[in-house]
Protein backbone atom coordinates (compact mmCIF):
# COMPACT_ATOMS: atom_id res chain seq x y z
CA UNK A 1 0.00 0.00 0.00
CA UNK A 2 1.35 3.38 -0.97
CA UNK A 3 0.22 5.85 1.69
CA UNK A 4 1.34 8.89 -0.24
CA UNK A 5 -0.37 7.93 -3.52
CA UNK A 6 -3.30 10.07 -4.54
CA UNK A 7 -6.51 8.09 -4.82
CA UNK A 8 -8.12 8.50 -8.21
CA UNK A 9 -11.67 7.35 -9.05
CA UNK A 10 -12.57 6.86 -12.69
CA UNK A 11 -15.21 5.30 -14.86
CA UNK A 12 -14.43 1.73 -15.90
CA UNK A 13 -14.00 0.81 -19.54
CA UNK A 14 -13.96 -2.62 -21.12
CA UNK A 15 -10.16 -2.64 -21.17
CA UNK A 16 -10.20 -2.45 -17.33
CA UNK A 17 -11.87 -5.86 -17.08
CA UNK A 18 -8.70 -7.73 -16.06
CA UNK A 19 -7.77 -5.46 -13.18
CA UNK A 20 -11.33 -5.21 -11.86
CA UNK A 21 -12.17 -8.89 -12.28
CA UNK A 22 -9.09 -9.93 -10.32
CA UNK A 23 -10.07 -7.66 -7.42
CA UNK A 24 -13.64 -8.94 -7.35
CA UNK A 25 -12.63 -12.57 -7.53
CA UNK A 26 -10.17 -12.16 -4.68
CA UNK A 27 -12.85 -10.72 -2.40
CA UNK A 28 -15.88 -12.72 -3.57
CA UNK A 29 -14.36 -16.17 -3.44
CA UNK A 30 -14.68 -16.72 0.36
CA UNK A 31 -18.29 -15.51 0.38
CA UNK A 32 -19.18 -17.51 -2.69
CA UNK A 33 -17.61 -20.64 -1.21
CA UNK A 34 -19.83 -20.28 1.89
CA UNK A 35 -22.96 -19.68 -0.20
CA UNK A 36 -22.28 -22.65 -2.48
CA UNK A 37 -21.52 -24.92 0.49
CA UNK A 38 -24.85 -23.94 2.08
CA UNK A 39 -26.66 -24.61 -1.20
CA UNK A 40 -24.95 -28.00 -1.54
CA UNK A 41 -25.87 -28.86 2.06
CA UNK A 42 -29.50 -28.10 1.16
CA UNK A 43 -29.27 -30.60 -1.69
CA UNK A 44 -28.74 -28.23 -4.59
CA UNK A 45 -26.30 -29.05 -7.36
CA UNK A 46 -23.69 -26.34 -7.38
CA UNK A 47 -20.98 -25.48 -9.89
CA UNK A 48 -17.31 -25.31 -8.90
CA UNK A 49 -16.46 -21.99 -7.24
CA UNK A 50 -14.01 -20.97 -9.96
CA UNK A 51 -16.63 -21.59 -12.66
CA UNK A 52 -19.11 -19.42 -10.79
CA UNK A 53 -16.51 -16.64 -10.36
CA UNK A 54 -15.63 -16.69 -14.05
CA UNK A 55 -19.32 -16.55 -14.98
CA UNK A 56 -19.80 -13.51 -12.72
CA UNK A 57 -16.68 -11.86 -14.16
CA UNK A 58 -17.92 -12.42 -17.71
CA UNK A 59 -21.43 -11.26 -16.84
CA UNK A 60 -20.43 -8.01 -15.16
CA UNK A 61 -17.45 -6.93 -17.19
CA UNK A 62 -18.51 -7.95 -20.66
CA UNK A 63 -21.29 -5.44 -20.13
CA UNK A 64 -19.30 -2.50 -18.77
CA UNK A 65 -19.75 -0.56 -22.00
CA UNK A 66 -23.51 -1.14 -21.83
CA UNK A 67 -23.85 -0.51 -18.11
CA UNK A 68 -21.64 2.58 -18.11
CA UNK A 69 -22.17 2.77 -14.38
CA UNK A 70 -19.01 1.08 -13.07
CA UNK A 71 -16.23 2.99 -11.34
CA UNK A 72 -12.91 1.98 -9.86
CA UNK A 73 -10.38 3.54 -7.53
CA UNK A 74 -6.66 3.34 -7.84
CA UNK A 75 -3.62 4.57 -6.03
CA UNK A 76 -0.82 4.81 -8.52
CA UNK A 77 -0.95 1.60 -10.54
CA UNK A 78 -2.75 -0.36 -7.80
CA UNK A 79 -6.49 -0.98 -8.20
CA UNK A 80 -7.92 -0.59 -4.71
CA UNK A 81 -11.69 -0.56 -5.20
CA UNK A 82 -14.59 -1.02 -7.60
CA UNK A 83 -18.34 -0.41 -7.57
CA UNK A 84 -21.07 -0.89 -10.13
CA UNK A 85 -24.78 -0.31 -10.45
CA UNK A 86 -26.88 -1.91 -13.14
CA UNK A 87 -28.79 1.10 -14.47
CA UNK A 88 -31.51 -1.08 -15.98
CA UNK A 89 -32.42 -2.93 -12.77
CA UNK A 90 -31.19 -0.02 -10.58
CA UNK A 91 -29.40 -2.51 -8.35
CA UNK A 92 -26.02 -1.97 -6.72
CA UNK A 93 -24.13 -4.97 -8.07
CA UNK A 94 -21.00 -4.71 -5.96
CA UNK A 95 -18.69 -2.50 -3.96
CA UNK A 96 -15.25 -3.85 -3.08
CA UNK A 97 -12.38 -1.97 -1.46
CA UNK A 98 -9.08 -3.60 -0.55
CA UNK A 99 -8.96 -4.03 3.26
CA UNK A 100 -5.78 -1.95 3.63
CA UNK A 101 -7.56 0.99 1.98
CA UNK A 102 -10.88 0.85 3.83
CA UNK A 103 -12.27 3.53 6.15
CA UNK A 104 -10.91 6.36 3.96
CA UNK A 105 -14.10 7.17 2.08
CA UNK A 106 -13.16 5.23 -1.06
CA UNK A 107 -16.27 3.03 -1.04
CA UNK A 108 -18.43 6.10 -0.47
CA UNK A 109 -16.76 7.92 -3.39
CA UNK A 110 -17.31 4.93 -5.66
CA UNK A 111 -20.98 4.63 -4.72
CA UNK A 112 -21.50 8.39 -5.15
CA UNK A 113 -20.05 8.22 -8.67
CA UNK A 114 -22.51 5.45 -9.54
CA UNK A 115 -25.43 7.37 -8.03
CA UNK A 116 -24.45 10.56 -9.85
CA UNK A 117 -24.52 8.66 -13.14
CA UNK A 118 -27.96 7.24 -12.29
CA UNK A 119 -29.27 10.74 -11.51
CA UNK A 120 -28.16 11.94 -14.95
CA UNK A 121 -30.28 9.12 -16.39
CA UNK A 122 -33.33 10.15 -14.37
CA UNK A 123 -33.20 7.15 -12.03
CA UNK A 124 -34.71 7.98 -8.65
CA UNK A 125 -34.06 4.84 -6.60
CA UNK A 126 -31.36 2.20 -6.24
CA UNK A 127 -31.41 -1.02 -4.22
CA UNK A 128 -28.80 -3.46 -2.90
CA UNK A 129 -29.12 -7.06 -1.79
CA UNK A 130 -26.99 -8.48 1.01
CA UNK A 131 -24.62 -10.29 0.95
CA UNK A 132 -24.37 -10.12 -2.83
CA UNK A 133 -23.64 -6.38 -2.96
CA UNK A 134 -20.59 -6.61 -0.71
CA UNK A 135 -18.44 -9.56 0.17
CA UNK A 136 -17.81 -9.12 3.90
CA UNK A 137 -19.51 -8.71 7.26
CA UNK A 138 -19.36 -4.91 7.12
CA UNK A 139 -21.73 -4.76 4.15
CA UNK A 140 -24.87 -3.70 5.96
CA UNK A 141 -23.10 -1.09 8.08
CA UNK A 142 -21.42 0.35 5.00
CA UNK A 143 -24.65 0.53 3.01
CA UNK A 144 -26.43 2.26 5.89
CA UNK A 145 -23.52 4.71 6.20
CA UNK A 146 -23.90 5.70 2.53
CA UNK A 147 -27.64 6.25 2.90
CA UNK A 148 -29.29 2.91 2.13
CA UNK A 149 -32.20 1.88 4.35
CA UNK A 150 -33.91 -1.43 4.84
CA UNK A 151 -36.83 -2.18 2.54
CA UNK A 152 -37.58 -5.69 3.82
CA UNK A 153 -35.81 -8.72 5.22
CA UNK A 154 -35.75 -11.77 3.00
CA UNK A 155 -34.72 -15.37 3.45
CA UNK A 156 -33.45 -17.29 0.46
CA UNK A 157 -34.37 -20.96 0.51
CA UNK A 158 -33.52 -23.64 -2.01
CA UNK A 159 -34.51 -27.18 -2.77
CA UNK A 160 -33.57 -29.90 -5.19
CA UNK A 161 -36.07 -30.22 -8.02
CA UNK A 162 -35.31 -33.77 -9.19
C-alpha atoms as a PDB file:
ATOM      1  CA  UNK A   1       0.000   0.000   0.000  1.00  0.00           C
ATOM      2  CA  UNK A   2       1.347   3.378  -0.969  1.00  0.00           C
ATOM      3  CA  UNK A   3       0.217   5.850   1.691  1.00  0.00           C
ATOM      4  CA  UNK A   4       1.344   8.893  -0.243  1.00  0.00           C
ATOM      5  CA  UNK A   5      -0.367   7.930  -3.516  1.00  0.00           C
ATOM      6  CA  UNK A   6      -3.300  10.068  -4.535  1.00  0.00           C
ATOM      7  CA  UNK A   7      -6.512   8.094  -4.823  1.00  0.00           C
ATOM      8  CA  UNK A   8      -8.121   8.497  -8.211  1.00  0.00           C
ATOM      9  CA  UNK A   9     -11.666   7.353  -9.053  1.00  0.00           C
ATOM     10  CA  UNK A  10     -12.566   6.856 -12.686  1.00  0.00           C
ATOM     11  CA  UNK A  11     -15.211   5.296 -14.863  1.00  0.00           C
ATOM     12  CA  UNK A  12     -14.426   1.729 -15.899  1.00  0.00           C
ATOM     13  CA  UNK A  13     -14.002   0.806 -19.536  1.00  0.00           C
ATOM     14  CA  UNK A  14     -13.964  -2.618 -21.120  1.00  0.00           C
ATOM     15  CA  UNK A  15     -10.161  -2.639 -21.172  1.00  0.00           C
ATOM     16  CA  UNK A  16     -10.203  -2.447 -17.331  1.00  0.00           C
ATOM     17  CA  UNK A  17     -11.873  -5.862 -17.075  1.00  0.00           C
ATOM     18  CA  UNK A  18      -8.701  -7.728 -16.060  1.00  0.00           C
ATOM     19  CA  UNK A  19      -7.770  -5.462 -13.180  1.00  0.00           C
ATOM     20  CA  UNK A  20     -11.331  -5.210 -11.860  1.00  0.00           C
ATOM     21  CA  UNK A  21     -12.169  -8.888 -12.284  1.00  0.00           C
ATOM     22  CA  UNK A  22      -9.088  -9.935 -10.318  1.00  0.00           C
ATOM     23  CA  UNK A  23     -10.068  -7.663  -7.422  1.00  0.00           C
ATOM     24  CA  UNK A  24     -13.644  -8.942  -7.351  1.00  0.00           C
ATOM     25  CA  UNK A  25     -12.634 -12.574  -7.530  1.00  0.00           C
ATOM     26  CA  UNK A  26     -10.165 -12.161  -4.684  1.00  0.00           C
ATOM     27  CA  UNK A  27     -12.851 -10.725  -2.403  1.00  0.00           C
ATOM     28  CA  UNK A  28     -15.875 -12.716  -3.567  1.00  0.00           C
ATOM     29  CA  UNK A  29     -14.362 -16.170  -3.440  1.00  0.00           C
ATOM     30  CA  UNK A  30     -14.676 -16.721   0.355  1.00  0.00           C
ATOM     31  CA  UNK A  31     -18.288 -15.511   0.382  1.00  0.00           C
ATOM     32  CA  UNK A  32     -19.182 -17.509  -2.688  1.00  0.00           C
ATOM     33  CA  UNK A  33     -17.607 -20.645  -1.209  1.00  0.00           C
ATOM     34  CA  UNK A  34     -19.832 -20.283   1.889  1.00  0.00           C
ATOM     35  CA  UNK A  35     -22.958 -19.678  -0.202  1.00  0.00           C
ATOM     36  CA  UNK A  36     -22.281 -22.651  -2.482  1.00  0.00           C
ATOM     37  CA  UNK A  37     -21.517 -24.919   0.491  1.00  0.00           C
ATOM     38  CA  UNK A  38     -24.848 -23.938   2.079  1.00  0.00           C
ATOM     39  CA  UNK A  39     -26.662 -24.613  -1.198  1.00  0.00           C
ATOM     40  CA  UNK A  40     -24.950 -27.998  -1.537  1.00  0.00           C
ATOM     41  CA  UNK A  41     -25.872 -28.864   2.057  1.00  0.00           C
ATOM     42  CA  UNK A  42     -29.496 -28.100   1.162  1.00  0.00           C
ATOM     43  CA  UNK A  43     -29.268 -30.602  -1.685  1.00  0.00           C
ATOM     44  CA  UNK A  44     -28.736 -28.233  -4.592  1.00  0.00           C
ATOM     45  CA  UNK A  45     -26.303 -29.052  -7.360  1.00  0.00           C
ATOM     46  CA  UNK A  46     -23.687 -26.344  -7.376  1.00  0.00           C
ATOM     47  CA  UNK A  47     -20.976 -25.482  -9.893  1.00  0.00           C
ATOM     48  CA  UNK A  48     -17.311 -25.310  -8.900  1.00  0.00           C
ATOM     49  CA  UNK A  49     -16.464 -21.993  -7.238  1.00  0.00           C
ATOM     50  CA  UNK A  50     -14.009 -20.973  -9.957  1.00  0.00           C
ATOM     51  CA  UNK A  51     -16.630 -21.590 -12.661  1.00  0.00           C
ATOM     52  CA  UNK A  52     -19.107 -19.420 -10.792  1.00  0.00           C
ATOM     53  CA  UNK A  53     -16.509 -16.645 -10.358  1.00  0.00           C
ATOM     54  CA  UNK A  54     -15.631 -16.693 -14.050  1.00  0.00           C
ATOM     55  CA  UNK A  55     -19.319 -16.546 -14.984  1.00  0.00           C
ATOM     56  CA  UNK A  56     -19.798 -13.514 -12.720  1.00  0.00           C
ATOM     57  CA  UNK A  57     -16.681 -11.864 -14.160  1.00  0.00           C
ATOM     58  CA  UNK A  58     -17.918 -12.419 -17.707  1.00  0.00           C
ATOM     59  CA  UNK A  59     -21.433 -11.255 -16.835  1.00  0.00           C
ATOM     60  CA  UNK A  60     -20.427  -8.012 -15.164  1.00  0.00           C
ATOM     61  CA  UNK A  61     -17.452  -6.934 -17.187  1.00  0.00           C
ATOM     62  CA  UNK A  62     -18.507  -7.948 -20.663  1.00  0.00           C
ATOM     63  CA  UNK A  63     -21.288  -5.439 -20.134  1.00  0.00           C
ATOM     64  CA  UNK A  64     -19.300  -2.498 -18.775  1.00  0.00           C
ATOM     65  CA  UNK A  65     -19.748  -0.560 -21.999  1.00  0.00           C
ATOM     66  CA  UNK A  66     -23.508  -1.140 -21.835  1.00  0.00           C
ATOM     67  CA  UNK A  67     -23.848  -0.511 -18.114  1.00  0.00           C
ATOM     68  CA  UNK A  68     -21.641   2.578 -18.110  1.00  0.00           C
ATOM     69  CA  UNK A  69     -22.171   2.767 -14.375  1.00  0.00           C
ATOM     70  CA  UNK A  70     -19.009   1.083 -13.068  1.00  0.00           C
ATOM     71  CA  UNK A  71     -16.226   2.994 -11.335  1.00  0.00           C
ATOM     72  CA  UNK A  72     -12.914   1.985  -9.857  1.00  0.00           C
ATOM     73  CA  UNK A  73     -10.385   3.542  -7.527  1.00  0.00           C
ATOM     74  CA  UNK A  74      -6.664   3.338  -7.836  1.00  0.00           C
ATOM     75  CA  UNK A  75      -3.620   4.570  -6.025  1.00  0.00           C
ATOM     76  CA  UNK A  76      -0.816   4.809  -8.524  1.00  0.00           C
ATOM     77  CA  UNK A  77      -0.949   1.597 -10.541  1.00  0.00           C
ATOM     78  CA  UNK A  78      -2.751  -0.360  -7.802  1.00  0.00           C
ATOM     79  CA  UNK A  79      -6.488  -0.983  -8.199  1.00  0.00           C
ATOM     80  CA  UNK A  80      -7.917  -0.592  -4.711  1.00  0.00           C
ATOM     81  CA  UNK A  81     -11.693  -0.559  -5.199  1.00  0.00           C
ATOM     82  CA  UNK A  82     -14.585  -1.019  -7.598  1.00  0.00           C
ATOM     83  CA  UNK A  83     -18.337  -0.412  -7.570  1.00  0.00           C
ATOM     84  CA  UNK A  84     -21.074  -0.889 -10.135  1.00  0.00           C
ATOM     85  CA  UNK A  85     -24.783  -0.307 -10.448  1.00  0.00           C
ATOM     86  CA  UNK A  86     -26.879  -1.914 -13.141  1.00  0.00           C
ATOM     87  CA  UNK A  87     -28.791   1.103 -14.471  1.00  0.00           C
ATOM     88  CA  UNK A  88     -31.511  -1.081 -15.976  1.00  0.00           C
ATOM     89  CA  UNK A  89     -32.424  -2.928 -12.770  1.00  0.00           C
ATOM     90  CA  UNK A  90     -31.192  -0.017 -10.576  1.00  0.00           C
ATOM     91  CA  UNK A  91     -29.397  -2.506  -8.355  1.00  0.00           C
ATOM     92  CA  UNK A  92     -26.019  -1.966  -6.721  1.00  0.00           C
ATOM     93  CA  UNK A  93     -24.130  -4.970  -8.070  1.00  0.00           C
ATOM     94  CA  UNK A  94     -20.998  -4.712  -5.962  1.00  0.00           C
ATOM     95  CA  UNK A  95     -18.686  -2.505  -3.956  1.00  0.00           C
ATOM     96  CA  UNK A  96     -15.254  -3.852  -3.079  1.00  0.00           C
ATOM     97  CA  UNK A  97     -12.379  -1.968  -1.461  1.00  0.00           C
ATOM     98  CA  UNK A  98      -9.078  -3.601  -0.548  1.00  0.00           C
ATOM     99  CA  UNK A  99      -8.958  -4.031   3.262  1.00  0.00           C
ATOM    100  CA  UNK A 100      -5.776  -1.949   3.633  1.00  0.00           C
ATOM    101  CA  UNK A 101      -7.563   0.993   1.976  1.00  0.00           C
ATOM    102  CA  UNK A 102     -10.883   0.852   3.825  1.00  0.00           C
ATOM    103  CA  UNK A 103     -12.266   3.530   6.146  1.00  0.00           C
ATOM    104  CA  UNK A 104     -10.910   6.363   3.959  1.00  0.00           C
ATOM    105  CA  UNK A 105     -14.101   7.175   2.079  1.00  0.00           C
ATOM    106  CA  UNK A 106     -13.160   5.232  -1.057  1.00  0.00           C
ATOM    107  CA  UNK A 107     -16.272   3.034  -1.039  1.00  0.00           C
ATOM    108  CA  UNK A 108     -18.427   6.100  -0.473  1.00  0.00           C
ATOM    109  CA  UNK A 109     -16.763   7.918  -3.389  1.00  0.00           C
ATOM    110  CA  UNK A 110     -17.315   4.927  -5.661  1.00  0.00           C
ATOM    111  CA  UNK A 111     -20.985   4.634  -4.719  1.00  0.00           C
ATOM    112  CA  UNK A 112     -21.504   8.391  -5.145  1.00  0.00           C
ATOM    113  CA  UNK A 113     -20.046   8.221  -8.674  1.00  0.00           C
ATOM    114  CA  UNK A 114     -22.508   5.450  -9.535  1.00  0.00           C
ATOM    115  CA  UNK A 115     -25.427   7.372  -8.026  1.00  0.00           C
ATOM    116  CA  UNK A 116     -24.450  10.558  -9.850  1.00  0.00           C
ATOM    117  CA  UNK A 117     -24.521   8.656 -13.145  1.00  0.00           C
ATOM    118  CA  UNK A 118     -27.959   7.242 -12.286  1.00  0.00           C
ATOM    119  CA  UNK A 119     -29.270  10.744 -11.510  1.00  0.00           C
ATOM    120  CA  UNK A 120     -28.162  11.943 -14.953  1.00  0.00           C
ATOM    121  CA  UNK A 121     -30.279   9.119 -16.390  1.00  0.00           C
ATOM    122  CA  UNK A 122     -33.331  10.148 -14.372  1.00  0.00           C
ATOM    123  CA  UNK A 123     -33.203   7.148 -12.031  1.00  0.00           C
ATOM    124  CA  UNK A 124     -34.710   7.984  -8.651  1.00  0.00           C
ATOM    125  CA  UNK A 125     -34.059   4.842  -6.603  1.00  0.00           C
ATOM    126  CA  UNK A 126     -31.355   2.197  -6.240  1.00  0.00           C
ATOM    127  CA  UNK A 127     -31.411  -1.016  -4.218  1.00  0.00           C
ATOM    128  CA  UNK A 128     -28.801  -3.458  -2.896  1.00  0.00           C
ATOM    129  CA  UNK A 129     -29.122  -7.059  -1.788  1.00  0.00           C
ATOM    130  CA  UNK A 130     -26.986  -8.478   1.009  1.00  0.00           C
ATOM    131  CA  UNK A 131     -24.621 -10.287   0.954  1.00  0.00           C
ATOM    132  CA  UNK A 132     -24.366 -10.117  -2.831  1.00  0.00           C
ATOM    133  CA  UNK A 133     -23.636  -6.380  -2.959  1.00  0.00           C
ATOM    134  CA  UNK A 134     -20.592  -6.606  -0.708  1.00  0.00           C
ATOM    135  CA  UNK A 135     -18.440  -9.561   0.171  1.00  0.00           C
ATOM    136  CA  UNK A 136     -17.814  -9.120   3.899  1.00  0.00           C
ATOM    137  CA  UNK A 137     -19.506  -8.713   7.257  1.00  0.00           C
ATOM    138  CA  UNK A 138     -19.363  -4.905   7.120  1.00  0.00           C
ATOM    139  CA  UNK A 139     -21.734  -4.763   4.150  1.00  0.00           C
ATOM    140  CA  UNK A 140     -24.874  -3.695   5.961  1.00  0.00           C
ATOM    141  CA  UNK A 141     -23.096  -1.090   8.082  1.00  0.00           C
ATOM    142  CA  UNK A 142     -21.418   0.349   4.996  1.00  0.00           C
ATOM    143  CA  UNK A 143     -24.653   0.530   3.013  1.00  0.00           C
ATOM    144  CA  UNK A 144     -26.432   2.258   5.891  1.00  0.00           C
ATOM    145  CA  UNK A 145     -23.525   4.711   6.203  1.00  0.00           C
ATOM    146  CA  UNK A 146     -23.897   5.700   2.532  1.00  0.00           C
ATOM    147  CA  UNK A 147     -27.640   6.245   2.896  1.00  0.00           C
ATOM    148  CA  UNK A 148     -29.286   2.907   2.126  1.00  0.00           C
ATOM    149  CA  UNK A 149     -32.198   1.878   4.350  1.00  0.00           C
ATOM    150  CA  UNK A 150     -33.914  -1.432   4.842  1.00  0.00           C
ATOM    151  CA  UNK A 151     -36.830  -2.183   2.541  1.00  0.00           C
ATOM    152  CA  UNK A 152     -37.578  -5.689   3.819  1.00  0.00           C
ATOM    153  CA  UNK A 153     -35.814  -8.722   5.220  1.00  0.00           C
ATOM    154  CA  UNK A 154     -35.746 -11.769   2.999  1.00  0.00           C
ATOM    155  CA  UNK A 155     -34.725 -15.370   3.446  1.00  0.00           C
ATOM    156  CA  UNK A 156     -33.454 -17.291   0.460  1.00  0.00           C
ATOM    157  CA  UNK A 157     -34.368 -20.956   0.512  1.00  0.00           C
ATOM    158  CA  UNK A 158     -33.519 -23.637  -2.007  1.00  0.00           C
ATOM    159  CA  UNK A 159     -34.510 -27.181  -2.774  1.00  0.00           C
ATOM    160  CA  UNK A 160     -33.570 -29.899  -5.190  1.00  0.00           C
ATOM    161  CA  UNK A 161     -36.075 -30.218  -8.021  1.00  0.00           C
ATOM    162  CA  UNK A 162     -35.305 -33.766  -9.191  1.00  0.00           C
END
